[in-house]
Protein backbone atom coordinates (compact mmCIF):
# COMPACT_ATOMS: atom_id res chain seq x y z
CA MET A 1 4.34 133.21 148.33
CA ALA A 2 4.49 136.77 147.03
CA ALA A 3 8.04 136.19 145.85
CA LYS A 4 6.97 133.08 143.94
CA GLY A 5 4.12 135.01 142.32
CA THR A 6 6.51 137.78 141.27
CA ASP A 7 8.96 135.26 139.82
CA ARG A 8 6.17 133.58 137.88
CA LEU A 9 5.00 136.92 136.51
CA PHE A 10 8.55 137.76 135.47
CA VAL A 11 8.86 134.42 133.65
CA TRP A 12 5.62 135.01 131.77
CA ILE A 13 6.74 138.51 130.77
CA VAL A 14 10.03 137.08 129.47
CA TYR A 15 8.16 134.41 127.50
CA ALA A 16 5.83 137.05 126.03
CA LEU A 17 8.75 139.23 124.95
CA LEU A 18 10.53 136.21 123.42
CA ALA A 19 7.35 135.23 121.57
CA LEU A 20 6.99 138.78 120.23
CA ALA A 21 10.63 138.86 119.14
CA SER A 22 10.20 135.48 117.45
CA LEU A 23 7.17 136.73 115.54
CA LEU A 24 9.11 139.78 114.36
CA VAL A 25 11.69 137.41 112.86
CA VAL A 26 9.51 134.52 111.67
CA VAL A 27 6.56 136.38 110.10
CA PRO A 28 8.63 138.32 107.52
CA PHE A 29 10.46 135.11 106.59
CA ILE A 30 7.17 133.22 106.20
CA TYR A 31 5.85 136.08 104.06
CA VAL A 32 8.88 135.90 101.75
CA VAL A 33 8.46 132.13 101.33
CA VAL A 34 4.70 132.36 100.77
CA VAL A 35 4.96 135.16 98.19
CA SER A 36 7.51 133.13 96.24
CA PHE A 37 4.79 130.50 95.67
CA ALA A 38 2.07 133.02 94.78
CA THR A 39 1.14 134.63 91.49
CA LYS A 40 2.13 138.18 90.58
CA HIS A 41 -1.51 139.24 90.27
CA GLU A 42 -2.38 138.01 93.77
CA VAL A 43 0.59 139.77 95.36
CA ILE A 44 -0.35 143.09 93.74
CA SER A 45 -4.07 142.79 94.49
CA ARG A 46 -3.99 141.41 98.05
CA GLY A 47 -0.92 143.09 99.53
CA PHE A 48 0.08 141.32 102.75
CA PHE A 49 -1.02 137.70 103.23
CA LEU A 50 0.37 134.51 104.78
CA PHE A 51 -1.56 131.98 102.70
CA PRO A 52 -1.94 132.33 98.91
CA LYS A 53 -5.15 131.39 97.17
CA GLU A 54 -3.22 129.76 94.35
CA TRP A 55 0.13 127.97 94.80
CA THR A 56 2.53 127.93 91.87
CA LEU A 57 6.16 127.02 91.15
CA ASP A 58 6.44 129.37 88.18
CA SER A 59 8.88 131.71 89.91
CA TYR A 60 11.28 128.90 90.81
CA GLN A 61 11.01 127.36 87.35
CA PHE A 62 11.77 130.73 85.81
CA LEU A 63 14.87 131.24 87.97
CA LEU A 64 16.17 127.76 87.26
CA ARG A 65 16.02 128.58 83.55
CA GLU A 66 17.56 132.06 83.93
CA GLN A 67 21.21 131.76 82.87
CA ASN A 68 22.39 134.90 84.71
CA PHE A 69 20.90 133.70 87.98
CA LEU A 70 22.46 130.24 87.59
CA THR A 71 25.82 131.79 86.78
CA SER A 72 25.74 134.00 89.88
CA PHE A 73 24.72 131.02 92.02
CA LYS A 74 27.65 129.00 90.66
CA ASN A 75 29.97 131.94 91.32
CA SER A 76 28.82 132.10 94.94
CA LEU A 77 29.47 128.37 95.36
CA VAL A 78 33.02 128.75 94.02
CA ILE A 79 33.71 131.80 96.17
CA THR A 80 32.30 130.14 99.28
CA ILE A 81 33.92 126.71 99.00
CA ILE A 82 37.42 127.82 98.02
CA GLY A 83 37.29 130.96 100.17
CA THR A 84 36.26 129.05 103.29
CA ALA A 85 39.03 126.51 102.76
CA ILE A 86 41.57 129.35 102.52
CA ASN A 87 40.08 131.12 105.55
CA ILE A 88 40.06 128.18 107.91
CA THR A 89 43.49 126.93 106.80
CA MET A 90 45.24 130.27 107.23
CA THR A 91 43.38 131.14 110.45
CA SER A 92 44.11 127.81 112.13
CA LEU A 93 47.78 127.84 111.09
CA MET A 94 48.36 131.37 112.34
CA ALA A 95 46.39 130.76 115.54
CA TYR A 96 48.39 127.62 116.28
CA GLY A 97 51.68 129.47 115.80
CA LEU A 98 50.62 132.40 117.98
CA SER A 99 49.54 130.00 120.74
CA LYS A 100 53.18 129.01 121.32
CA VAL A 101 54.89 131.16 123.96
CA TRP A 102 58.31 130.38 122.49
CA LEU A 103 57.46 131.92 119.09
CA PRO A 104 59.80 134.89 118.40
CA GLY A 105 57.88 138.15 118.03
CA ARG A 106 54.66 136.59 119.31
CA LYS A 107 53.63 139.58 121.44
CA THR A 108 54.23 142.02 118.61
CA ILE A 109 52.18 139.97 116.15
CA ASN A 110 49.35 139.59 118.67
CA PHE A 111 49.36 143.35 119.19
CA LEU A 112 49.17 143.99 115.45
CA VAL A 113 46.24 141.58 115.20
CA LEU A 114 44.41 143.50 117.93
CA VAL A 115 45.11 146.79 116.15
CA THR A 116 43.36 145.52 113.01
CA MET A 117 40.21 144.97 115.07
CA LEU A 118 40.13 148.70 115.89
CA PHE A 119 41.52 150.27 112.72
CA SER A 120 41.46 149.33 109.06
CA GLY A 121 43.34 150.57 106.04
CA GLY A 122 40.20 152.04 104.51
CA ILE A 123 38.41 151.31 101.26
CA ILE A 124 40.63 153.34 98.91
CA PRO A 125 44.03 152.16 100.25
CA THR A 126 42.81 148.56 100.22
CA TYR A 127 41.58 148.96 96.66
CA LEU A 128 44.93 150.40 95.60
CA VAL A 129 46.76 147.45 97.19
CA ILE A 130 44.49 144.96 95.41
CA LYS A 131 45.05 146.82 92.13
CA ALA A 132 48.84 146.97 92.63
CA PHE A 133 48.96 143.19 93.02
CA GLY A 134 46.91 142.73 89.83
CA LEU A 135 44.02 141.03 91.64
CA LEU A 136 41.18 143.08 90.19
CA ASP A 137 38.55 141.02 88.34
CA SER A 138 39.70 137.83 90.04
CA TYR A 139 38.27 135.92 92.97
CA SER A 140 41.67 136.10 94.66
CA SER A 141 40.83 139.70 95.53
CA LEU A 142 37.95 138.40 97.66
CA TRP A 143 39.78 135.44 99.14
CA LEU A 144 43.06 137.15 100.08
CA SER A 145 41.69 140.51 101.25
CA GLY A 146 39.66 138.78 103.97
CA ALA A 147 41.63 135.58 104.46
CA ILE A 148 41.90 135.92 108.25
CA ALA A 149 39.31 137.49 110.54
CA PRO A 150 41.09 138.90 113.64
CA PHE A 151 38.34 137.95 116.08
CA HIS A 152 38.20 134.36 114.83
CA LEU A 153 41.98 134.19 115.03
CA ILE A 154 42.08 135.35 118.65
CA VAL A 155 39.40 132.91 119.79
CA MET A 156 41.04 130.00 117.98
CA ARG A 157 44.42 130.97 119.43
CA SER A 158 42.91 130.78 122.91
CA PHE A 159 41.54 127.35 122.05
CA PHE A 160 44.98 126.09 121.02
CA GLN A 161 46.51 127.54 124.19
CA ASN A 162 44.26 125.21 126.20
CA PHE A 163 45.51 122.18 124.29
CA PRO A 164 47.29 119.67 126.62
CA ALA A 165 51.04 120.28 126.47
CA GLU A 166 51.72 116.69 127.55
CA LEU A 167 50.07 115.35 124.39
CA GLU A 168 52.22 117.57 122.19
CA GLU A 169 55.39 116.59 124.06
CA SER A 170 54.64 112.87 123.73
CA SER A 171 54.00 113.32 120.00
CA ARG A 172 57.34 115.09 119.57
CA MET A 173 59.08 112.30 121.45
CA ASP A 174 57.57 109.85 118.94
CA GLY A 175 59.21 111.81 116.11
CA CYS A 176 56.33 114.13 115.09
CA GLY A 177 57.39 117.41 113.49
CA GLU A 178 55.44 120.59 114.11
CA LEU A 179 53.48 120.45 110.85
CA ARG A 180 52.63 116.77 111.23
CA LEU A 181 51.73 117.34 114.88
CA PHE A 182 49.33 120.08 113.85
CA TRP A 183 47.61 118.20 110.99
CA ARG A 184 47.53 114.71 112.55
CA ILE A 185 47.05 115.43 116.26
CA VAL A 186 45.98 118.97 117.08
CA LEU A 187 43.56 119.70 114.24
CA PRO A 188 41.47 116.49 114.53
CA LEU A 189 41.07 117.12 118.28
CA SER A 190 40.05 120.73 117.60
CA MET A 191 37.06 119.99 115.40
CA PRO A 192 34.52 121.87 117.58
CA ALA A 193 36.47 125.12 117.11
CA VAL A 194 37.23 124.39 113.45
CA ALA A 195 33.59 123.58 112.68
CA THR A 196 32.40 126.73 114.46
CA PHE A 197 34.62 129.08 112.50
CA THR A 198 34.04 127.16 109.30
CA LEU A 199 30.37 128.03 109.72
CA PHE A 200 31.24 131.68 110.32
CA TYR A 201 33.43 131.82 107.25
CA LEU A 202 30.83 129.99 105.14
CA VAL A 203 28.23 132.64 105.96
CA GLN A 204 30.76 135.44 105.40
CA ASN A 205 31.79 134.16 101.98
CA TRP A 206 28.27 133.29 100.87
CA ASN A 207 27.12 136.82 101.74
CA THR A 208 30.04 138.47 99.92
CA TYR A 209 28.64 141.67 98.49
CA PHE A 210 30.53 144.94 98.94
CA SER A 211 33.98 143.53 98.14
CA ALA A 212 32.60 141.97 94.97
CA LEU A 213 31.19 145.34 93.90
CA LEU A 214 34.58 146.97 94.45
CA TYR A 215 36.90 144.41 92.89
CA LEU A 216 34.82 142.60 90.24
CA ASN A 217 33.91 144.65 87.16
CA ASP A 218 32.89 141.65 85.06
CA THR A 219 29.18 141.02 85.66
CA GLN A 220 29.64 137.35 84.75
CA MET A 221 31.81 136.99 87.88
CA TRP A 222 29.29 138.55 90.25
CA PRO A 223 28.16 136.40 93.20
CA LEU A 224 24.53 135.81 94.00
CA GLN A 225 24.24 138.62 96.57
CA VAL A 226 25.26 141.27 94.04
CA TYR A 227 22.81 139.82 91.52
CA LEU A 228 20.04 140.03 94.15
CA ARG A 229 20.89 143.67 94.81
CA GLN A 230 20.58 144.46 91.13
CA MET A 231 17.28 142.64 90.93
CA LEU A 232 15.65 143.87 94.14
CA ILE A 233 16.86 147.46 94.42
CA GLU A 234 17.78 148.69 90.96
CA SER A 235 15.21 146.97 88.79
CA SER A 236 14.34 150.30 87.14
CA ASP A 237 17.95 150.91 86.07
CA SER A 238 18.19 150.43 82.31
CA SER A 239 21.90 149.50 82.48
CA MET A 240 21.06 146.76 84.92
CA ILE A 241 18.25 145.49 82.74
CA GLN A 242 20.76 145.06 79.93
CA ALA A 243 23.05 143.09 82.29
CA VAL A 244 20.27 140.65 83.10
CA GLU A 245 18.26 140.93 79.91
CA GLY A 246 15.05 138.94 79.80
CA PHE A 247 14.48 138.87 83.55
CA GLU A 248 10.93 139.54 84.75
CA TYR A 249 10.92 141.55 87.94
CA GLY A 250 7.70 140.38 89.54
CA PRO A 251 7.50 140.21 93.37
CA PRO A 252 7.16 136.39 93.44
CA VAL A 253 10.33 135.98 91.37
CA LYS A 254 12.24 138.34 93.66
CA MET A 255 11.11 136.47 96.76
CA ALA A 256 11.93 133.12 95.16
CA ALA A 257 15.45 134.38 94.50
CA VAL A 258 15.79 135.42 98.15
CA VAL A 259 14.61 131.98 99.31
CA ILE A 260 17.09 130.19 97.06
CA ALA A 261 19.89 132.48 98.26
CA ALA A 262 19.12 131.75 101.91
CA ALA A 263 18.52 128.00 101.49
CA PRO A 264 22.17 126.73 101.43
CA MET A 265 23.09 128.33 104.78
CA LEU A 266 19.80 127.24 106.33
CA LEU A 267 20.49 123.66 105.25
CA ILE A 268 24.10 123.65 106.48
CA TYR A 269 23.50 125.21 109.90
CA PRO A 270 21.64 122.27 111.56
CA PHE A 271 24.52 119.90 110.75
CA MET A 272 27.10 122.21 112.34
CA GLN A 273 25.05 123.52 115.25
CA LYS A 274 26.18 120.73 117.60
CA HIS A 275 29.75 122.05 117.36
CA PHE A 276 28.81 125.71 117.66
CA ASN A 277 28.34 126.22 121.42
CA LYS A 278 31.15 123.87 122.38
CA GLY A 279 33.61 125.51 120.01
CA MET A 280 32.82 129.03 121.15
CA LEU A 281 33.01 128.17 124.86
CA MET A 282 36.22 126.20 124.59
CA GLY A 283 37.91 129.02 122.70
CA SER A 284 36.62 131.88 124.82
CA VAL A 285 38.01 130.90 128.23
CA LYS A 286 41.64 130.42 129.10
CA GLY A 287 41.92 127.87 131.89
């Protein structure tokens, strides 16, 4: 009986800690959403609150009329959609090739991939490479510099290694070449892994920030995250005010911008969540 009482106490402690952790995550998010619907005067006068006295859509209406904000949002969509397509295509192709034991130089390439997880070229050498290829002030600098994530590649390679060899052999006997086998047979049956890493790459590209600061000098090419940085952190910088002239930096407008920036990923995640756990588990264990 004492053991059961101890187990029950432990369960309640775990639930209490989980509830506390959930509050630490949920309350700030609720505050951001609520402030975005409040007036500037109420935010300044009341400080912290979770229910505004007066609800208004002025902040959202202002942002939807702000040309610089709309441009940065469009830039983020372009970067995310095209970048994710490049990421998942190149990662899946390389992972499929490295999953074949007969590939010449396979061990060496796998070793080099592992090395990149521990060491990087550094900011300055990478910048010089991007500059030497003439990719500055183009979205190709963002897409190509991070086209393949080593961790995603290794997990997807493990997933392809678990693919039934008999199915591949029967497809080859029916006249399927390697490329057709990959696109018509292997890839459709690997959708849990593909969907999982598509989600990872979507979030990565949507949150592109530091690379854009390094490689994009044209403010009209900036993605949404860089625009948010300028608005939230450097609102007192006169040079920034000229870049986004006419923007009113009230707290509700800032919070509304954060909500709009987070909304696309929040909307996409529920549709891809069913593939997430299955894709990670199938690619993490070699049977």
